[in-house]
Protein backbone atom coordinates (compact mmCIF):
# COMPACT_ATOMS: atom_id res chain seq x y z
CA MET A 1 63.18 -105.85 -6.05
CA LYS A 2 61.30 -104.05 -8.76
CA LEU A 3 61.46 -104.81 -12.45
CA ASN A 4 63.28 -102.31 -14.68
CA GLN A 5 65.06 -100.71 -11.74
CA THR A 6 68.85 -100.89 -11.53
CA TYR A 7 70.55 -101.99 -8.31
CA PRO A 8 74.23 -102.20 -7.37
CA LEU A 9 75.26 -105.86 -7.58
CA MET A 10 76.14 -106.14 -3.88
CA ASP A 11 72.80 -104.62 -2.85
CA LEU A 12 70.92 -107.12 -5.00
CA LEU A 13 72.92 -110.06 -3.63
CA ASP A 14 72.33 -108.85 -0.06
CA ALA A 15 68.59 -108.58 -0.76
CA LEU A 16 68.52 -112.15 -2.14
CA THR A 17 70.29 -113.41 0.97
CA ALA A 18 67.86 -111.55 3.24
CA ALA A 19 64.84 -112.90 1.34
CA SER A 20 66.09 -116.50 1.54
CA ASP A 21 65.29 -118.69 4.53
CA ASN A 22 68.11 -119.18 7.04
CA THR A 23 68.71 -122.93 7.47
CA ARG A 24 70.33 -122.52 10.91
CA GLU A 25 67.25 -120.73 12.20
CA LEU A 26 64.99 -123.32 10.58
CA ALA A 27 66.95 -126.14 12.24
CA LYS A 28 66.51 -124.48 15.65
CA GLN A 29 62.80 -124.00 14.95
CA LEU A 30 62.34 -127.65 13.92
CA LYS A 31 64.02 -128.85 17.11
CA ALA A 32 61.98 -126.48 19.30
CA GLU A 33 58.73 -127.62 17.67
CA GLY A 34 59.68 -131.31 17.60
CA ARG A 35 59.21 -131.50 13.83
CA HIS A 36 61.58 -133.34 11.51
CA MET A 37 60.94 -131.76 8.12
CA THR A 38 60.22 -128.38 6.53
CA VAL A 39 60.31 -126.80 3.10
CA PHE A 40 62.37 -123.65 2.70
CA THR A 41 63.01 -121.08 -0.02
CA VAL A 42 66.30 -119.83 -1.44
CA TYR A 43 66.74 -117.06 -4.00
CA GLU A 44 69.71 -117.89 -6.23
CA ALA A 45 71.66 -115.49 -8.43
CA GLU A 46 72.51 -116.81 -11.88
CA ASN A 47 75.54 -115.49 -13.79
CA MET A 48 76.16 -112.59 -11.37
CA LEU A 49 79.91 -112.87 -10.88
CA SER A 50 81.89 -109.67 -11.15
CA VAL A 51 84.78 -107.94 -9.42
CA SER A 52 83.86 -104.59 -10.92
CA PRO A 53 83.00 -101.94 -8.32
CA HIS A 54 80.55 -100.56 -10.92
CA ALA A 55 78.57 -103.79 -11.38
CA ARG A 56 74.85 -103.20 -11.41
CA VAL A 57 71.87 -105.41 -12.20
CA THR A 58 68.54 -104.67 -13.84
CA LEU A 59 65.83 -107.35 -13.84
CA THR A 60 63.61 -106.69 -16.85
CA ARG A 61 61.07 -109.49 -16.91
CA LYS A 62 59.38 -112.19 -14.89
CA GLU A 63 59.72 -115.41 -16.85
CA SER A 64 57.75 -117.57 -14.42
CA ASP A 65 56.65 -117.63 -10.78
CA GLY A 66 60.16 -118.66 -9.81
CA ARG A 67 62.42 -116.87 -12.30
CA TRP A 68 63.26 -113.25 -13.11
CA ALA A 69 65.71 -112.32 -15.88
CA GLY A 70 67.60 -109.24 -16.93
CA TYR A 71 71.15 -108.05 -17.39
CA MET A 72 74.25 -106.92 -15.53
CA GLU A 73 76.49 -104.06 -16.55
CA THR A 74 80.04 -103.86 -15.23
CA SER A 75 81.32 -100.72 -16.92
CA ALA A 76 81.31 -97.35 -15.16
CA TYR A 77 79.69 -95.91 -18.29
CA ARG A 78 76.19 -96.31 -19.65
CA ASP A 79 75.60 -98.49 -22.69
CA GLY A 80 78.40 -100.89 -21.84
CA GLU A 81 78.32 -104.65 -22.29
CA ARG A 82 75.21 -106.32 -20.88
CA VAL A 83 75.58 -109.81 -19.44
CA PRO A 84 72.38 -111.90 -19.20
CA VAL A 85 71.51 -112.74 -15.56
CA ALA A 86 68.61 -114.23 -13.65
CA VAL A 87 67.23 -114.79 -10.17
CA ASN A 88 65.72 -118.19 -9.44
CA ARG A 89 63.48 -119.06 -6.50
CA LYS A 90 64.11 -122.64 -5.40
CA GLU A 91 62.45 -124.73 -2.73
CA TYR A 92 64.34 -127.37 -0.80
CA VAL A 93 63.50 -129.73 2.08
CA LEU A 94 65.35 -129.63 5.39
CA THR A 95 65.10 -132.90 7.34
CA ALA A 96 66.37 -133.87 10.78
CA ASN A 97 67.11 -137.29 12.22
CA ASP A 98 65.28 -138.60 15.32
CA ASP A 99 67.49 -136.87 17.91
CA PHE A 100 68.11 -133.69 15.86
CA SER A 101 71.86 -134.33 15.76
CA ARG A 102 71.99 -134.34 11.95
CA PHE A 103 70.23 -132.24 9.34
CA GLU A 104 70.10 -132.83 5.59
CA ILE A 105 69.00 -130.68 2.66
CA GLN A 106 67.15 -132.48 -0.10
CA MET A 107 67.06 -130.84 -3.49
């Protein structure tokens, strides 16, 4: 995603999902490698709930290494209401028990 470029809401959410690590795949990888812990990254959307088919998001600034902020418009017309939104990059820990029958996410 580029700053100051507008994306349809669903495209942005799909991109965040694609950029985030898949915990199922990580669990398979841990078991195959015989490891019991790994750190993974998730990109989380903040305040991006809308049923409008016109919803679009523009990220305007990078607030830190793990946070980008901007706004969402839901009107079909320009210069409509702008709702503050953000994308947060979070890191979590995925751990497995001794026989890989149970996995836990630690926040």
